[in-house]
Amino acid sequence: MTSKTLHIDPSNAEQARAWDGDEGSYWAEHADRFDRAVHAYQGPFLDAAALHRGERVLDIGCGNGLESRAAARLTVGGPVLGVDLSGPMLRVARREAQREGLDSIRYEQADAQTYPFPEASFDAAISRTGAMFFAEPVTAFRNIARALRPGGRLVLLVWQDMTRNEWFRSFTTALAAGRDLPVPPPGAPGPFAMADPEVVRSTLTAAGFEEPELTGLERPMYFGRTADHAFDFVSGMLAWLIEDLDEAGRAHALGDLRADIEAHTTDGGVFYESATWIVKTARP
């Protein structure tokens, strides 16, 4: 489970700075919280991946390693390679794999857009909300396709449009504090870069994959057991949104966020609606 830092394509430099910096550190520090937030998608995603004993698996944007560990268990020791830009999250991934005794997993701090994967060396490539951040997505997915054997599968979990994701709308509206926050242009790297099914189809077919199949899922996302618990988590995750506000503006934005979270608090915790696509395709 050793690692080395490899070349980052210049087009992905901004993403590398974020994920290998403060943003990645926050995700690493709160690994369990982030995994719990999307836990309702775990079963359907792994069912779609349909991993079998002995299969070789590539985990793209593996983050803190939850899916890599699941893949290692499902393949019963089949080799798993997890790649991510984030050093802090990869440290968590290695620690947890070692703790569980999953020595079939190897992690590399690498850019999947440029990493020299051995050709035709994997049976399946998976990515849970980690494949939407490439600056050159066709280039990246072409590289991933090259790494798969003929007939090898690609299975992604990506967010549907931001209008279908209550958590995103609610948090950003509260923390905007009346400002018009900039909206990334279509296709720009970010959580919703693969929200449009036509973009997904054109990107993956241009990269050499078969016509993908998209299945829409809607599940509640869990942000904490109490309003205070959720507020601490979300306000830390999105602190960058209010960095340019003065003290009064930050207090107003955080007050709006707390009120919204309290309105979504139930006896079972704090939940917001969300929507994703499960994307399935294969290398011809």
Protein backbone atom coordinates (compact mmCIF):
# COMPACT_ATOMS: atom_id res chain seq x y z
CA MET A 1 0.00 0.00 0.00
CA THR A 2 2.81 2.35 -0.83
CA SER A 3 2.38 5.59 -2.77
CA LYS A 4 4.29 8.05 -4.86
CA THR A 5 3.26 11.44 -6.13
CA LEU A 6 3.00 11.46 -9.91
CA HIS A 7 2.58 14.09 -12.58
CA ILE A 8 -0.53 16.28 -12.36
CA ASP A 9 -1.80 17.61 -15.68
CA PRO A 10 -1.59 21.45 -15.60
CA SER A 11 -5.31 21.65 -16.43
CA ASN A 12 -6.06 19.88 -13.13
CA ALA A 13 -3.71 21.99 -11.00
CA GLU A 14 -6.53 23.90 -9.29
CA GLN A 15 -8.31 20.67 -8.36
CA ALA A 16 -5.02 19.27 -7.04
CA ARG A 17 -4.47 22.33 -4.84
CA ALA A 18 -7.94 21.99 -3.34
CA TRP A 19 -7.99 18.24 -2.78
CA ASP A 20 -4.39 18.03 -1.63
CA GLY A 21 -4.90 21.09 0.56
CA ASP A 22 -7.51 22.36 3.00
CA GLU A 23 -10.52 20.84 1.25
CA GLY A 24 -9.00 17.38 1.16
CA SER A 25 -7.88 17.72 4.76
CA TYR A 26 -11.45 18.50 5.85
CA TRP A 27 -12.77 15.47 3.97
CA ALA A 28 -10.08 13.31 5.56
CA GLU A 29 -10.82 14.60 9.04
CA HIS A 30 -14.53 13.90 8.60
CA ALA A 31 -14.31 10.73 6.50
CA ASP A 32 -17.05 8.93 8.42
CA ARG A 33 -19.40 11.92 8.11
CA PHE A 34 -19.01 12.17 4.33
CA ASP A 35 -19.45 8.43 3.86
CA ARG A 36 -22.52 8.43 6.10
CA ALA A 37 -24.05 11.30 4.10
CA VAL A 38 -24.26 9.20 0.93
CA HIS A 39 -24.71 5.83 2.61
CA ALA A 40 -28.15 5.32 1.03
CA TYR A 41 -26.46 5.08 -2.38
CA GLN A 42 -23.86 2.51 -1.32
CA GLY A 43 -25.92 -0.60 -1.92
CA PRO A 44 -27.29 0.35 -5.36
CA PHE A 45 -23.86 1.52 -6.51
CA LEU A 46 -22.11 -1.69 -5.51
CA ASP A 47 -24.94 -3.77 -6.98
CA ALA A 48 -24.44 -1.94 -10.29
CA ALA A 49 -20.69 -2.58 -10.16
CA ALA A 50 -21.39 -6.33 -9.78
CA LEU A 51 -17.85 -7.14 -8.67
CA HIS A 52 -16.84 -10.79 -8.51
CA ARG A 53 -14.14 -12.90 -6.89
CA GLY A 54 -10.72 -12.31 -8.38
CA GLU A 55 -11.63 -9.28 -10.50
CA ARG A 56 -9.12 -6.45 -10.86
CA VAL A 57 -10.66 -3.12 -9.87
CA LEU A 58 -9.66 0.51 -10.44
CA ASP A 59 -11.21 3.05 -8.04
CA ILE A 60 -11.10 6.55 -9.57
CA GLY A 61 -11.13 9.46 -7.11
CA CYS A 62 -11.06 6.91 -4.30
CA GLY A 63 -10.94 9.55 -1.54
CA ASN A 64 -10.95 8.02 1.92
CA GLY A 65 -11.14 4.53 0.44
CA LEU A 66 -14.59 3.22 1.38
CA GLU A 67 -15.31 1.87 -2.12
CA SER A 68 -11.80 0.43 -2.50
CA ARG A 69 -12.31 -1.53 0.71
CA ALA A 70 -15.72 -2.71 -0.43
CA ALA A 71 -14.21 -3.78 -3.76
CA ALA A 72 -11.45 -5.73 -1.99
CA ARG A 73 -14.03 -7.61 0.09
CA LEU A 74 -16.30 -8.33 -2.90
CA THR A 75 -13.45 -9.57 -5.07
CA VAL A 76 -12.09 -11.63 -2.16
CA GLY A 77 -8.57 -10.39 -2.57
CA GLY A 78 -8.64 -9.42 -6.23
CA PRO A 79 -6.16 -6.56 -6.75
CA VAL A 80 -7.59 -3.06 -6.25
CA LEU A 81 -5.89 0.20 -7.21
CA GLY A 82 -7.26 3.44 -5.77
CA VAL A 83 -6.10 6.76 -7.20
CA ASP A 84 -6.81 10.25 -5.93
CA LEU A 85 -5.28 13.75 -5.92
CA SER A 86 -5.62 14.06 -2.14
CA GLY A 87 -2.69 13.07 0.05
CA PRO A 88 -4.69 13.59 3.27
CA MET A 89 -7.53 11.34 2.14
CA LEU A 90 -5.16 8.68 0.86
CA ARG A 91 -3.54 8.55 4.31
CA VAL A 92 -6.97 7.75 5.74
CA ALA A 93 -7.57 5.17 3.01
CA ARG A 94 -4.29 3.38 3.69
CA ARG A 95 -4.83 3.44 7.45
CA GLU A 96 -8.32 1.95 7.20
CA ALA A 97 -7.28 -0.70 4.67
CA GLN A 98 -4.44 -1.74 6.96
CA ARG A 99 -6.74 -1.78 9.98
CA GLU A 100 -9.11 -4.13 8.12
CA GLY A 101 -6.27 -6.32 6.87
CA LEU A 102 -7.06 -5.65 3.20
CA ASP A 103 -3.62 -6.05 1.73
CA SER A 104 -4.88 -6.48 -1.85
CA ILE A 105 -5.40 -2.69 -2.13
CA ARG A 106 -2.75 -0.32 -3.46
CA TYR A 107 -3.15 3.46 -3.42
CA GLU A 108 -1.46 6.06 -5.59
CA GLN A 109 -1.61 9.84 -5.33
CA ALA A 110 -2.15 10.49 -9.00
CA ASP A 111 -4.13 12.27 -11.70
CA ALA A 112 -6.29 9.68 -13.49
CA GLN A 113 -6.25 11.95 -16.53
CA THR A 114 -2.53 11.26 -17.06
CA TYR A 115 -1.58 8.26 -14.88
CA PRO A 116 0.19 5.58 -16.96
CA PHE A 117 -2.11 2.67 -16.12
CA PRO A 118 -0.94 -0.64 -17.59
CA GLU A 119 -3.09 -1.27 -20.66
CA ALA A 120 -6.04 -3.68 -20.32
CA SER A 121 -5.11 -4.38 -16.69
CA PHE A 122 -8.53 -4.01 -14.97
CA ASP A 123 -11.86 -5.80 -15.21
CA ALA A 124 -13.83 -2.89 -13.75
CA ALA A 125 -13.39 0.79 -12.97
CA ILE A 126 -15.62 2.42 -10.38
CA SER A 127 -16.04 5.94 -9.03
CA ARG A 128 -18.47 7.16 -6.38
CA THR A 129 -18.92 10.92 -6.92
CA GLY A 130 -15.24 11.23 -7.87
CA ALA A 131 -15.30 11.43 -11.67
CA MET A 132 -16.78 14.90 -12.16
CA PHE A 133 -13.65 16.94 -11.54
CA PHE A 134 -11.53 16.38 -14.66
CA ALA A 135 -10.57 19.48 -16.61
CA GLU A 136 -10.35 17.33 -19.77
CA PRO A 137 -12.96 14.60 -19.19
CA VAL A 138 -12.68 12.94 -22.61
CA THR A 139 -8.92 12.65 -22.16
CA ALA A 140 -9.37 11.26 -18.66
CA PHE A 141 -11.99 8.68 -19.60
CA ARG A 142 -9.98 7.64 -22.65
CA ASN A 143 -7.09 6.93 -20.30
CA ILE A 144 -9.41 4.93 -18.04
CA ALA A 145 -10.81 3.02 -21.02
CA ARG A 146 -7.27 2.09 -22.07
CA ALA A 147 -6.71 0.65 -18.58
CA LEU A 148 -9.71 -1.68 -18.90
CA ARG A 149 -9.63 -5.02 -20.70
CA PRO A 150 -11.97 -5.35 -23.69
CA GLY A 151 -15.43 -5.74 -22.17
CA GLY A 152 -14.26 -4.17 -18.92
CA ARG A 153 -16.94 -2.23 -17.06
CA LEU A 154 -17.11 1.41 -15.95
CA VAL A 155 -19.62 2.26 -13.19
CA LEU A 156 -20.03 5.80 -11.88
CA LEU A 157 -22.20 7.51 -9.30
CA VAL A 158 -22.63 11.18 -10.23
CA TRP A 159 -24.96 13.94 -9.09
CA GLN A 160 -28.00 14.91 -11.09
CA ASP A 161 -28.65 18.61 -11.73
CA MET A 162 -28.25 20.94 -8.76
CA THR A 163 -31.97 21.77 -8.98
CA ARG A 164 -32.66 18.13 -8.07
CA ASN A 165 -30.40 18.24 -5.02
CA GLU A 166 -32.10 19.95 -2.11
CA TRP A 167 -28.98 19.80 0.06
CA PHE A 168 -26.99 21.89 -2.41
CA ARG A 169 -29.76 24.42 -3.05
CA SER A 170 -30.48 24.87 0.64
CA PHE A 171 -26.88 25.23 1.81
CA THR A 172 -25.77 27.59 -0.94
CA THR A 173 -28.91 29.74 -0.69
CA ALA A 174 -28.41 30.16 3.05
CA LEU A 175 -24.71 30.95 2.80
CA ALA A 176 -25.15 33.28 -0.17
CA ALA A 177 -26.61 35.83 2.26
CA GLY A 178 -28.43 37.52 -0.60
CA ARG A 179 -25.47 37.49 -2.98
CA ASP A 180 -25.58 36.04 -6.49
CA LEU A 181 -23.01 33.29 -6.25
CA PRO A 182 -21.23 32.46 -9.51
CA VAL A 183 -22.48 29.36 -11.31
CA PRO A 184 -19.81 27.23 -13.01
CA PRO A 185 -20.19 27.13 -16.79
CA PRO A 186 -21.54 23.89 -18.28
CA GLY A 187 -18.89 21.20 -18.33
CA ALA A 188 -16.62 22.93 -15.82
CA PRO A 189 -15.07 20.60 -13.23
CA GLY A 190 -17.26 20.30 -10.17
CA PRO A 191 -19.95 18.20 -8.48
CA PHE A 192 -22.49 18.70 -11.29
CA ALA A 193 -20.22 18.38 -14.32
CA MET A 194 -21.88 15.09 -15.30
CA ALA A 195 -25.44 16.01 -14.36
CA ASP A 196 -26.65 16.21 -17.98
CA PRO A 197 -27.21 12.73 -19.47
CA GLU A 198 -26.31 13.99 -22.94
CA VAL A 199 -22.97 15.28 -21.65
CA VAL A 200 -22.35 11.89 -20.03
CA ARG A 201 -23.17 10.04 -23.24
CA SER A 202 -21.13 12.28 -25.52
CA THR A 203 -18.13 12.29 -23.16
CA LEU A 204 -17.99 8.55 -22.63
CA THR A 205 -18.60 7.56 -26.25
CA ALA A 206 -15.98 10.08 -27.41
CA ALA A 207 -13.58 8.44 -24.94
CA GLY A 208 -14.16 5.05 -26.54
CA PHE A 209 -16.82 3.52 -24.31
CA GLU A 210 -20.08 1.93 -25.38
CA GLU A 211 -23.33 3.90 -25.14
CA PRO A 212 -23.85 4.29 -21.38
CA GLU A 213 -26.93 3.34 -19.41
CA LEU A 214 -28.10 5.90 -16.83
CA THR A 215 -30.37 5.03 -13.92
CA GLY A 216 -31.76 7.84 -11.78
CA LEU A 217 -31.87 7.44 -8.01
CA GLU A 218 -33.30 9.68 -5.31
CA ARG A 219 -32.25 9.13 -1.74
CA PRO A 220 -32.17 11.20 1.48
CA MET A 221 -28.74 12.42 2.57
CA TYR A 222 -27.87 12.33 6.25
CA PHE A 223 -25.91 15.24 7.71
CA GLY A 224 -25.95 14.60 11.44
CA ARG A 225 -27.80 13.18 14.40
CA THR A 226 -28.84 16.63 15.68
CA ALA A 227 -29.10 20.16 14.26
CA ASP A 228 -25.93 21.18 16.13
CA HIS A 229 -24.07 18.14 14.82
CA ALA A 230 -25.11 18.88 11.23
CA PHE A 231 -24.46 22.61 11.51
CA ASP A 232 -20.89 22.08 12.68
CA PHE A 233 -20.24 19.69 9.78
CA VAL A 234 -21.84 21.74 6.99
CA SER A 235 -20.57 25.14 8.12
CA GLY A 236 -17.05 23.74 8.21
CA MET A 237 -17.38 22.07 4.82
CA LEU A 238 -18.63 25.27 3.16
CA ALA A 239 -16.74 27.88 5.18
CA TRP A 240 -15.09 29.13 1.97
CA LEU A 241 -18.46 30.43 0.75
CA ILE A 242 -18.55 33.15 3.42
CA GLU A 243 -14.86 34.07 3.60
CA ASP A 244 -15.44 37.38 1.79
CA LEU A 245 -18.30 38.51 4.06
CA ASP A 246 -17.85 40.87 7.00
CA GLU A 247 -18.66 39.73 10.52
CA ALA A 248 -22.31 40.76 10.30
CA GLY A 249 -22.71 39.08 6.93
CA ARG A 250 -21.19 35.82 8.18
CA ALA A 251 -23.44 35.86 11.24
CA HIS A 252 -26.49 36.38 9.02
CA ALA A 253 -25.48 33.58 6.62
CA LEU A 254 -24.73 31.13 9.41
CA GLY A 255 -28.01 32.00 11.11
CA ASP A 256 -29.88 31.21 7.89
CA LEU A 257 -27.98 27.93 7.56
CA ARG A 258 -28.80 26.90 11.13
CA ALA A 259 -32.48 27.73 10.64
CA ASP A 260 -32.62 25.64 7.47
CA ILE A 261 -30.90 22.71 9.14
CA GLU A 262 -33.27 22.90 12.10
CA ALA A 263 -36.19 22.76 9.65
CA HIS A 264 -34.77 19.50 8.26
CA THR A 265 -34.20 17.86 11.64
CA THR A 266 -36.20 14.74 12.43
CA ASP A 267 -36.19 12.26 15.29
CA GLY A 268 -33.76 10.18 13.21
CA GLY A 269 -31.37 13.01 12.32
CA VAL A 270 -30.95 15.76 9.73
CA PHE A 271 -31.92 14.74 6.19
CA TYR A 272 -32.02 16.49 2.81
CA GLU A 273 -33.26 15.14 -0.50
CA SER A 274 -30.75 14.31 -3.23
CA ALA A 275 -30.62 12.76 -6.70
CA THR A 276 -27.89 10.89 -8.59
CA TRP A 277 -27.25 8.93 -11.75
CA ILE A 278 -25.71 5.49 -11.76
CA VAL A 279 -23.83 5.32 -15.06
CA LYS A 280 -22.88 1.93 -16.54
CA THR A 281 -20.87 1.34 -19.68
CA ALA A 282 -18.03 -0.83 -20.96
CA ARG A 283 -14.98 -0.79 -23.15
CA PRO A 284 -15.87 -2.49 -26.46
